[in-house]
Amino acid sequence: MRLFKYTMMMMAVFLAVAGKVYAINDINVTTNSGPGFLDFGVVSSTQNVSENANVAMQYDGSLPYNVYYEVVQNFTNGAGITLDPDALTFHTVVGSNQYGILHHTTDGPIQMGQQILYSSGATPHNDDFDILYTAHGPEANGAGIFTGVIRYKMLSVDGNIQVTEDLIVIIDFDLDLVVTVTGSTSSSLVHMVYPQNPTPEHAFTISFSGNTTGQEVKIIQDFVTMPQSGNGTYLNNQAVKFHTALGNNGTKYYTSPSVLSIAPQLLYTSMAPSDTLKVIFEFFPPYIGNQQAGTYITTVTYKVEWAGNVYLFDMQFEVEILPIFELVVTPGANVQQTGDGAYILGIDLTPLSGNKEITMTTAVNSNLGTSYKVMHNMMTPLTNVTTSFQIPNNLLKFKTELLTGLGNPQYPVLIQVPMGVTVPVLISHFSGASASMRITYRLALTSATSGIEGGEYRAPFVLTLIPD
């Protein structure tokens, strides 16, 4: 179709040129495209393409003359769209003439009406000059072949000498949406690490430009699968959530934290020429804390739909959960930590002071996916720090109870504290899930124990966490 149009245009130009009678007063416009027309070829939405036209004047008059241009056929395409003025600019090339004065030496849009390009000055000469035309793809407001006609006129100041030359201008705008998707970790990757402090922003950024025709742009997010670790475990879809940001030139959805989904999610729509949308990912406890350690990987596809075209970007999405295996102890009012895993149980008592009860909590944070035990060792009996008197072992009892998570406390009812031996007080669920428990120590003093000295008593003990 384009070749047929060119052929018809060439025939028209050839006939016009063949029928022209060259006089001693004449104006000729020549380009690299051939006689009578200027062809920019195909111009994409990201290109700025320039073409040169040379205007030569032959003049035998004695009075000064000027050269003008005028658009005699506006630039339109087959759909009847008139080209935006900023999509075709021009300027005369300084230094390309030998005589006279050039006008429009600064690049700008082609203007309607008769516009002056050249003045001969008081003493006219034959002369020529160049015009540089530039077609701007980013400014085009429509696709297809735009044609227009520019008429050049050489006119003496008294109007007695007037010669014209027409130039057919052809621009084929092949508009395309320019889309980029980048990850915050690398060009095609978002890699999240938990725990990490401070936590950097994790996001994919989707930008588009070139929607000069004002057609609807849609941005869709599609997780191929939920992120999966090497052992086949899937990431809980609530462990990481996302929300959209920026995108101020359109309508964005999922603006509050939302769960990941393997169903396509429409994130954004717009008819704007350009915009940038950011998809931000964040960790969400307690779900991420319960996830097994490992690196969870998947592909997320960002689909941009525009004008019947679909632009697909496959991006890598990774969540790395670092191994956690720790025992967190919250001592009670009468328990003092003396080192890593080492504590002192302290009781101040007087004879016949009744029951003394001390509580403390322990929490196991583990994401290894393997079972574990919390071990307890009361190293010596309660001992008077002044007299070294020791309270009989059978008077100090303890029990354990589960507070959160899954697991099996080993001493659900009060029992004499094993002395000088290491015993399990909590055995985890087979999944190795995190758990917390309370340990309660009770010292029972009655009339039968009236021989116990008053004073300050201390007993060291150790709590340890071991894999099962």
Protein backbone atom coordinates (compact mmCIF):
# COMPACT_ATOMS: atom_id res chain seq x y z
CA MET A 1 0.00 0.00 0.00
CA ARG A 2 2.80 2.39 0.90
CA LEU A 3 4.65 1.56 -2.34
CA PHE A 4 1.48 2.24 -4.36
CA LYS A 5 1.06 5.62 -2.68
CA TYR A 6 4.68 6.49 -3.34
CA THR A 7 4.31 5.48 -6.99
CA MET A 8 1.27 7.72 -7.47
CA MET A 9 3.03 10.61 -5.73
CA MET A 10 6.14 10.14 -7.89
CA MET A 11 4.01 10.17 -11.07
CA ALA A 12 2.32 13.39 -9.98
CA VAL A 13 5.64 15.00 -9.15
CA PHE A 14 7.19 13.81 -12.42
CA LEU A 15 4.35 15.30 -14.45
CA ALA A 16 4.60 18.58 -12.56
CA VAL A 17 8.35 18.77 -13.07
CA ALA A 18 8.12 17.68 -16.72
CA GLY A 19 5.54 20.37 -17.41
CA LYS A 20 7.48 23.14 -15.76
CA VAL A 21 9.06 25.76 -18.03
CA TYR A 22 12.24 27.02 -16.46
CA ALA A 23 12.63 30.79 -16.74
CA ILE A 24 15.55 32.99 -15.82
CA ASN A 25 13.70 33.66 -12.53
CA ASP A 26 13.24 30.34 -10.77
CA ILE A 27 13.19 28.53 -7.44
CA ASN A 28 14.11 24.87 -7.05
CA VAL A 29 13.87 22.65 -3.97
CA THR A 30 15.98 19.47 -3.94
CA THR A 31 16.14 16.67 -1.36
CA ASN A 32 17.71 13.24 -1.01
CA SER A 33 14.30 11.73 -1.69
CA GLY A 34 14.13 12.89 -5.29
CA PRO A 35 12.52 15.78 -7.16
CA GLY A 36 9.41 17.25 -5.64
CA PHE A 37 9.12 15.33 -2.40
CA LEU A 38 10.73 14.80 0.99
CA ASP A 39 10.34 11.31 2.48
CA PHE A 40 11.28 10.65 6.12
CA GLY A 41 10.60 6.94 5.78
CA VAL A 42 9.43 5.05 8.87
CA VAL A 43 9.72 6.98 12.13
CA SER A 44 9.18 5.06 15.37
CA SER A 45 7.78 6.53 18.57
CA THR A 46 11.29 6.86 20.00
CA GLN A 47 12.99 8.37 16.97
CA ASN A 48 13.73 11.90 15.80
CA VAL A 49 14.57 11.75 12.08
CA SER A 50 16.02 14.72 10.17
CA GLU A 51 16.06 15.39 6.42
CA ASN A 52 17.64 18.27 4.49
CA ALA A 53 16.10 20.37 1.71
CA ASN A 54 18.07 22.79 -0.45
CA VAL A 55 16.30 25.86 -1.83
CA ALA A 56 18.04 27.47 -4.86
CA MET A 57 16.98 30.83 -6.31
CA GLN A 58 17.75 32.18 -9.78
CA TYR A 59 16.85 35.87 -10.03
CA ASP A 60 17.42 38.54 -12.69
CA GLY A 61 15.51 41.44 -11.13
CA SER A 62 17.08 44.59 -9.74
CA LEU A 63 14.88 44.99 -6.69
CA PRO A 64 15.29 42.90 -3.51
CA TYR A 65 13.34 39.67 -3.15
CA ASN A 66 12.22 37.34 -0.37
CA VAL A 67 11.60 33.60 -0.14
CA TYR A 68 8.56 32.37 1.75
CA TYR A 69 7.04 29.06 2.66
CA GLU A 70 3.39 28.16 3.18
CA VAL A 71 1.67 24.89 4.04
CA VAL A 72 -0.89 24.53 1.27
CA GLN A 73 -2.00 21.03 2.24
CA ASN A 74 -2.10 20.23 5.94
CA PHE A 75 -0.34 17.12 7.24
CA THR A 76 -2.94 14.35 7.73
CA ASN A 77 -2.99 10.57 7.71
CA GLY A 78 -5.48 8.09 6.23
CA ALA A 79 -7.64 8.35 9.37
CA GLY A 80 -7.98 12.09 8.91
CA ILE A 81 -5.81 12.96 11.92
CA THR A 82 -3.99 16.28 11.58
CA LEU A 83 -0.39 16.05 12.70
CA ASP A 84 0.53 17.80 15.94
CA PRO A 85 2.70 20.87 15.08
CA ASP A 86 5.45 19.69 17.46
CA ALA A 87 5.82 16.46 15.48
CA LEU A 88 7.47 18.28 12.53
CA THR A 89 9.94 21.09 13.15
CA PHE A 90 12.44 22.94 10.98
CA HIS A 91 15.13 25.62 10.88
CA THR A 92 17.23 27.24 8.21
CA VAL A 93 20.88 26.23 8.37
CA VAL A 94 23.11 29.14 9.28
CA GLY A 95 26.04 29.49 6.86
CA SER A 96 24.39 27.55 4.05
CA ASN A 97 23.70 30.77 2.08
CA GLN A 98 26.24 33.05 0.34
CA TYR A 99 24.24 36.25 0.37
CA GLY A 100 21.15 37.66 1.99
CA ILE A 101 19.68 37.00 5.42
CA LEU A 102 18.19 33.76 6.76
CA HIS A 103 15.11 33.72 8.97
CA HIS A 104 13.84 30.92 11.27
CA THR A 105 17.34 29.86 12.24
CA THR A 106 16.06 28.38 15.50
CA ASP A 107 14.28 25.03 15.38
CA GLY A 108 10.53 25.23 15.83
CA PRO A 109 7.19 23.92 14.52
CA ILE A 110 6.08 24.60 10.97
CA GLN A 111 3.61 27.48 11.11
CA MET A 112 0.48 28.09 9.11
CA GLY A 113 0.20 31.03 6.74
CA GLN A 114 2.95 32.58 4.64
CA GLN A 115 6.27 32.69 6.55
CA ILE A 116 9.52 34.34 5.42
CA LEU A 117 12.65 32.20 5.08
CA TYR A 118 15.13 34.38 3.24
CA SER A 119 15.72 38.06 2.38
CA SER A 120 18.09 38.99 -0.46
CA GLY A 121 19.11 42.36 0.93
CA ALA A 122 19.46 45.58 -1.06
CA THR A 123 21.57 43.96 -3.77
CA PRO A 124 19.92 40.72 -4.90
CA HIS A 125 21.93 37.70 -6.09
CA ASN A 126 21.32 34.18 -7.17
CA ASP A 127 21.65 32.15 -3.99
CA ASP A 128 20.68 28.95 -2.20
CA PHE A 129 20.26 27.77 1.40
CA ASP A 130 19.45 24.64 3.35
CA ILE A 131 16.48 23.82 5.57
CA LEU A 132 16.67 20.99 8.10
CA TYR A 133 13.34 19.31 8.81
CA THR A 134 12.92 16.91 11.78
CA ALA A 135 10.09 14.43 12.34
CA HIS A 136 9.60 13.71 16.06
CA GLY A 137 8.19 10.26 16.80
CA PRO A 138 7.63 10.97 20.52
CA GLU A 139 5.42 13.94 19.63
CA ALA A 140 3.35 12.21 16.94
CA ASN A 141 -0.34 12.11 17.76
CA GLY A 142 -1.24 9.36 15.34
CA ALA A 143 0.16 6.43 13.39
CA GLY A 144 0.36 5.85 9.66
CA ILE A 145 1.53 7.86 6.65
CA PHE A 146 1.11 11.62 7.03
CA THR A 147 1.39 13.70 3.87
CA GLY A 148 1.40 17.43 3.39
CA VAL A 149 2.48 20.01 0.82
CA ILE A 150 4.78 22.95 1.47
CA ARG A 151 4.90 25.72 -1.18
CA TYR A 152 8.04 27.83 -1.53
CA LYS A 153 7.70 31.25 -3.16
CA MET A 154 10.32 33.67 -4.47
CA LEU A 155 8.75 37.15 -4.61
CA SER A 156 10.26 40.51 -5.54
CA VAL A 157 9.40 43.38 -3.23
CA ASP A 158 7.30 45.03 -5.93
CA GLY A 159 5.43 41.79 -6.57
CA ASN A 160 6.23 41.70 -10.27
CA ILE A 161 8.43 38.60 -10.05
CA GLN A 162 6.82 35.57 -8.39
CA VAL A 163 7.90 31.94 -8.75
CA THR A 164 6.73 28.94 -6.68
CA GLU A 165 7.78 25.34 -6.07
CA ASP A 166 5.78 22.69 -4.20
CA LEU A 167 7.31 19.99 -1.99
CA ILE A 168 5.34 16.91 -0.96
CA VAL A 169 6.39 15.79 2.53
CA ILE A 170 5.81 12.17 3.63
CA ILE A 171 6.23 10.80 7.16
CA ASP A 172 5.33 7.22 8.11
CA PHE A 173 4.88 7.20 11.90
CA ASP A 174 5.11 3.62 13.13
CA LEU A 175 4.12 4.31 16.71
CA ASP A 176 4.90 1.82 19.42
CA LEU A 177 4.56 1.98 23.18
CA VAL A 178 7.93 2.06 24.91
CA VAL A 179 7.79 -0.07 28.06
CA THR A 180 10.51 -0.84 30.61
CA VAL A 181 10.34 -3.02 33.72
CA THR A 182 13.19 -3.01 36.22
CA GLY A 183 13.76 -4.68 39.57
CA SER A 184 15.17 -3.01 42.67
CA THR A 185 17.87 -5.70 43.07
CA SER A 186 18.94 -5.83 39.42
CA SER A 187 17.45 -5.16 36.02
CA SER A 188 15.18 -8.21 36.13
CA LEU A 189 15.26 -9.29 39.77
CA VAL A 190 13.77 -8.55 43.16
CA HIS A 191 15.58 -10.47 45.91
CA MET A 192 14.22 -10.06 49.44
CA VAL A 193 16.09 -11.19 52.56
CA TYR A 194 14.47 -11.88 55.95
CA PRO A 195 15.38 -10.83 58.55
CA GLN A 196 17.33 -7.78 57.37
CA ASN A 197 17.66 -4.50 59.21
CA PRO A 198 17.19 -1.95 57.91
CA THR A 199 14.97 -3.44 55.24
CA PRO A 200 15.55 -1.82 51.82
CA GLU A 201 12.71 -1.15 49.43
CA HIS A 202 11.90 -4.13 47.23
CA ALA A 203 10.00 -3.19 44.09
CA PHE A 204 9.46 -3.64 40.38
CA THR A 205 9.14 -0.37 38.45
CA ILE A 206 7.07 -0.35 35.24
CA SER A 207 7.34 2.70 32.97
CA PHE A 208 5.74 3.43 29.62
CA SER A 209 5.83 6.28 27.12
CA GLY A 210 4.71 6.96 23.57
CA ASN A 211 0.96 6.61 24.08
CA THR A 212 0.44 9.61 21.84
CA THR A 213 -2.87 8.29 20.51
CA GLY A 214 -4.44 8.22 23.98
CA GLN A 215 -5.36 4.55 23.91
CA GLU A 216 -5.88 2.58 27.11
CA VAL A 217 -2.81 1.10 28.77
CA LYS A 218 -3.29 -1.82 31.18
CA ILE A 219 -0.63 -3.25 33.49
CA ILE A 220 -1.26 -6.77 34.80
CA GLN A 221 0.76 -8.81 37.33
CA ASP A 222 0.79 -12.60 37.04
CA PHE A 223 2.78 -14.92 39.33
CA VAL A 224 3.49 -18.11 37.39
CA THR A 225 3.56 -20.05 40.70
CA MET A 226 3.88 -19.08 44.31
CA PRO A 227 7.57 -18.74 45.29
CA GLN A 228 8.97 -22.21 45.96
CA SER A 229 12.09 -23.42 47.78
CA GLY A 230 14.48 -26.11 46.64
CA ASN A 231 12.75 -28.74 48.76
CA GLY A 232 9.37 -27.98 47.19
CA THR A 233 7.93 -25.86 49.99
CA TYR A 234 5.76 -22.95 48.85
CA LEU A 235 5.85 -19.51 50.42
CA ASN A 236 2.72 -18.65 52.36
CA ASN A 237 0.86 -16.14 50.17
CA GLN A 238 0.52 -13.83 53.18
CA ALA A 239 4.18 -13.92 54.17
CA VAL A 240 4.94 -11.27 51.56
CA LYS A 241 2.40 -8.68 50.44
CA PHE A 242 2.51 -5.98 47.78
CA HIS A 243 0.98 -2.61 47.00
CA THR A 244 1.15 -0.16 44.11
CA ALA A 245 2.61 3.35 44.26
CA LEU A 246 3.27 6.30 41.92
CA GLY A 247 1.14 5.89 38.76
CA ASN A 248 -0.28 9.37 39.19
CA ASN A 249 -1.37 9.67 35.53
CA GLY A 250 -3.81 6.78 35.71
CA THR A 251 -5.94 4.63 37.99
CA LYS A 252 -4.01 2.21 40.17
CA TYR A 253 -5.39 -0.72 42.14
CA TYR A 254 -4.04 -2.70 45.13
CA THR A 255 -2.91 0.48 46.85
CA SER A 256 -3.01 -1.22 50.29
CA PRO A 257 -1.05 -4.38 51.23
CA SER A 258 -2.45 -7.33 49.26
CA VAL A 259 -1.63 -11.02 49.08
CA LEU A 260 0.29 -12.57 46.21
CA SER A 261 -1.83 -14.53 43.75
CA ILE A 262 -1.27 -16.89 40.85
CA ALA A 263 -4.39 -15.37 39.24
CA PRO A 264 -3.69 -12.33 37.02
CA GLN A 265 -4.08 -9.05 38.91
CA LEU A 266 -4.94 -5.82 37.10
CA LEU A 267 -2.69 -3.20 38.71
CA TYR A 268 -3.24 -0.07 36.63
CA THR A 269 -5.12 1.54 33.72
CA SER A 270 -4.47 4.84 31.94
CA MET A 271 -4.80 6.75 28.70
CA ALA A 272 -1.92 9.08 29.54
CA PRO A 273 1.02 9.51 27.15
CA SER A 274 3.43 8.22 29.80
CA ASP A 275 3.61 7.16 33.43
CA THR A 276 5.55 5.09 35.96
CA LEU A 277 4.06 2.51 38.32
CA LYS A 278 5.90 0.94 41.24
CA VAL A 279 4.97 -2.43 42.78
CA ILE A 280 6.39 -2.61 46.30
CA PHE A 281 6.80 -5.87 48.28
CA GLU A 282 6.98 -6.15 52.09
CA PHE A 283 7.32 -8.91 54.69
CA PHE A 284 4.32 -9.53 56.93
CA PRO A 285 4.72 -11.20 60.34
CA PRO A 286 3.76 -13.54 61.82
CA TYR A 287 3.46 -15.41 58.53
CA ILE A 288 7.03 -14.78 57.40
CA GLY A 289 8.32 -15.78 60.85
CA ASN A 290 6.66 -19.18 60.54
CA GLN A 291 8.11 -19.86 57.11
CA GLN A 292 10.86 -22.44 56.82
CA ALA A 293 14.35 -21.13 56.03
CA GLY A 294 15.42 -21.26 52.40
CA THR A 295 15.28 -19.33 49.14
CA TYR A 296 11.87 -19.22 47.50
CA ILE A 297 11.93 -18.47 43.77
CA THR A 298 9.36 -17.85 41.08
CA THR A 299 8.73 -15.90 37.90
CA VAL A 300 6.34 -12.98 37.86
CA THR A 301 5.13 -11.77 34.48
CA TYR A 302 4.20 -8.15 33.93
CA LYS A 303 1.84 -7.78 30.99
CA VAL A 304 1.28 -4.37 29.41
CA GLU A 305 -1.68 -4.24 27.01
CA TRP A 306 -2.03 -1.38 24.53
CA ALA A 307 -3.74 -0.91 21.16
CA GLY A 308 -4.18 -4.64 20.63
CA ASN A 309 -0.53 -5.29 21.47
CA VAL A 310 0.78 -7.19 24.49
CA TYR A 311 4.21 -6.56 25.98
CA LEU A 312 5.44 -9.35 28.28
CA PHE A 313 8.23 -9.05 30.85
CA ASP A 314 9.27 -12.14 32.83
CA MET A 315 10.96 -11.07 36.04
CA GLN A 316 12.65 -13.13 38.76
CA PHE A 317 11.19 -12.87 42.26
CA GLU A 318 13.12 -14.35 45.19
CA VAL A 319 12.53 -14.46 48.95
CA GLU A 320 15.50 -15.62 51.01
CA ILE A 321 14.67 -16.53 54.60
CA LEU A 322 17.77 -16.81 56.73
CA PRO A 323 18.07 -19.69 59.23
CA ILE A 324 16.78 -18.85 62.73
CA PHE A 325 17.34 -21.15 65.72
CA GLU A 326 17.30 -19.31 69.01
CA LEU A 327 16.09 -19.51 72.57
CA VAL A 328 14.75 -16.27 74.02
CA VAL A 329 14.36 -16.25 77.79
CA THR A 330 12.40 -13.62 79.70
CA PRO A 331 13.54 -13.97 83.33
CA GLY A 332 11.09 -13.32 86.13
CA ALA A 333 11.66 -10.91 89.00
CA ASN A 334 13.77 -13.46 90.91
CA VAL A 335 15.80 -14.81 88.01
CA GLN A 336 19.08 -13.27 86.94
CA GLN A 337 20.95 -14.05 83.73
CA THR A 338 24.67 -14.50 84.28
CA GLY A 339 25.79 -15.62 80.85
CA ASP A 340 24.78 -17.33 77.64
CA GLY A 341 22.13 -19.75 78.81
CA ALA A 342 23.19 -19.46 82.46
CA TYR A 343 20.82 -18.13 85.13
CA ILE A 344 20.48 -17.86 88.90
CA LEU A 345 17.26 -18.57 90.73
CA GLY A 346 17.07 -16.34 93.81
CA ILE A 347 14.75 -16.52 96.84
CA ASP A 348 14.78 -14.36 99.96
CA LEU A 349 12.92 -16.11 102.72
CA THR A 350 12.31 -16.31 106.43
CA PRO A 351 11.40 -19.47 108.30
CA LEU A 352 7.82 -20.57 107.77
CA SER A 353 7.34 -17.92 105.09
CA GLY A 354 4.99 -20.13 103.09
CA ASN A 355 5.10 -20.97 99.39
CA LYS A 356 7.45 -19.03 97.15
CA GLU A 357 6.60 -19.05 93.43
CA ILE A 358 8.77 -17.75 90.61
CA THR A 359 7.86 -17.77 86.90
CA MET A 360 9.81 -17.18 83.71
CA THR A 361 9.05 -17.59 79.99
CA THR A 362 11.10 -19.11 77.24
CA ALA A 363 10.44 -18.84 73.51
CA VAL A 364 11.97 -20.86 70.73
CA ASN A 365 12.24 -19.13 67.36
CA SER A 366 13.08 -21.67 64.71
CA ASN A 367 12.49 -21.88 60.97
CA LEU A 368 14.73 -24.87 60.23
CA GLY A 369 11.82 -27.27 59.85
CA THR A 370 13.42 -29.82 62.19
CA SER A 371 12.42 -30.85 65.71
CA TYR A 372 14.25 -29.59 68.80
CA LYS A 373 14.39 -29.75 72.59
CA VAL A 374 14.72 -27.19 75.36
CA MET A 375 16.98 -28.63 78.07
CA HIS A 376 17.10 -27.67 81.76
CA ASN A 377 19.80 -28.32 84.39
CA MET A 378 19.45 -27.09 88.01
CA MET A 379 23.11 -27.37 88.90
CA THR A 380 22.92 -27.14 92.74
CA PRO A 381 20.20 -26.92 95.38
CA LEU A 382 19.10 -23.54 96.69
CA THR A 383 21.99 -22.43 98.86
CA ASN A 384 22.15 -19.74 101.54
CA VAL A 385 24.73 -17.23 100.31
CA THR A 386 25.83 -16.46 103.89
CA THR A 387 25.83 -19.81 105.68
CA SER A 388 25.95 -22.20 102.67
CA PHE A 389 22.92 -24.02 104.06
CA GLN A 390 21.13 -25.94 101.30
CA ILE A 391 17.38 -26.40 101.08
CA PRO A 392 16.43 -30.06 100.65
CA ASN A 393 15.85 -31.00 97.03
CA ASN A 394 12.34 -32.31 97.60
CA LEU A 395 11.07 -28.85 98.56
CA LEU A 396 11.79 -27.19 95.19
CA LYS A 397 9.33 -28.17 92.48
CA PHE A 398 8.59 -26.92 88.96
CA LYS A 399 6.18 -27.34 86.08
CA THR A 400 6.08 -26.29 82.38
CA GLU A 401 3.11 -25.14 80.30
CA LEU A 402 2.80 -24.25 76.60
CA LEU A 403 1.90 -20.61 75.86
CA THR A 404 2.05 -20.34 72.08
CA GLY A 405 2.81 -22.52 69.10
CA LEU A 406 3.09 -26.28 68.99
CA GLY A 407 5.08 -28.50 71.32
CA ASN A 408 5.01 -30.88 74.29
CA PRO A 409 5.91 -29.51 77.76
CA GLN A 410 7.43 -32.37 79.73
CA TYR A 411 6.29 -31.37 83.22
CA PRO A 412 2.65 -30.26 83.06
CA VAL A 413 2.19 -30.75 86.84
CA LEU A 414 4.47 -29.81 89.73
CA ILE A 415 7.31 -32.24 90.25
CA GLN A 416 10.59 -32.18 92.14
CA VAL A 417 13.23 -30.34 90.13
CA PRO A 418 15.82 -32.83 88.90
CA MET A 419 19.10 -31.70 90.43
CA GLY A 420 22.47 -31.81 88.70
CA VAL A 421 21.15 -33.47 85.54
CA THR A 422 20.08 -32.12 82.16
CA VAL A 423 16.48 -32.94 81.28
CA PRO A 424 14.16 -31.85 78.45
CA VAL A 425 11.45 -29.44 79.53
CA LEU A 426 9.99 -28.91 76.03
CA ILE A 427 9.97 -31.21 73.04
CA SER A 428 8.92 -29.53 69.84
CA HIS A 429 6.23 -30.53 67.39
CA PHE A 430 7.59 -32.79 64.65
CA SER A 431 7.43 -29.81 62.27
CA GLY A 432 9.91 -27.88 64.38
CA ALA A 433 7.50 -24.96 64.67
CA SER A 434 8.31 -22.10 67.01
CA ALA A 435 6.78 -22.24 70.48
CA SER A 436 6.87 -20.56 73.86
CA MET A 437 6.30 -21.87 77.39
CA ARG A 438 6.20 -20.81 81.02
CA ILE A 439 8.36 -22.41 83.71
CA THR A 440 7.04 -22.10 87.26
CA TYR A 441 9.26 -22.82 90.29
CA ARG A 442 7.62 -23.34 93.67
CA LEU A 443 9.28 -23.64 97.06
CA ALA A 444 6.88 -24.98 99.73
CA LEU A 445 7.71 -24.14 103.35
CA THR A 446 5.52 -25.49 106.15
CA SER A 447 5.76 -26.12 109.88
CA ALA A 448 7.55 -29.30 109.02
CA THR A 449 10.38 -27.26 107.50
CA SER A 450 10.85 -24.92 110.43
CA GLY A 451 14.52 -25.76 110.68
CA ILE A 452 15.33 -23.92 107.45
CA GLU A 453 17.35 -20.80 107.98
CA GLY A 454 16.12 -17.46 106.78
CA GLY A 455 18.19 -15.45 104.36
CA GLU A 456 19.11 -15.11 100.69
CA TYR A 457 19.22 -18.34 98.67
CA ARG A 458 20.61 -18.85 95.20
CA ALA A 459 20.71 -21.77 92.75
CA PRO A 460 22.37 -21.66 89.31
CA PHE A 461 20.69 -23.35 86.37
CA VAL A 462 21.17 -23.65 82.61
CA LEU A 463 18.69 -23.57 79.72
CA THR A 464 19.84 -24.77 76.32
CA LEU A 465 18.27 -25.34 72.90
CA ILE A 466 19.38 -28.36 70.91
CA PRO A 467 18.26 -29.98 67.65
CA ASP A 468 16.47 -33.25 68.21
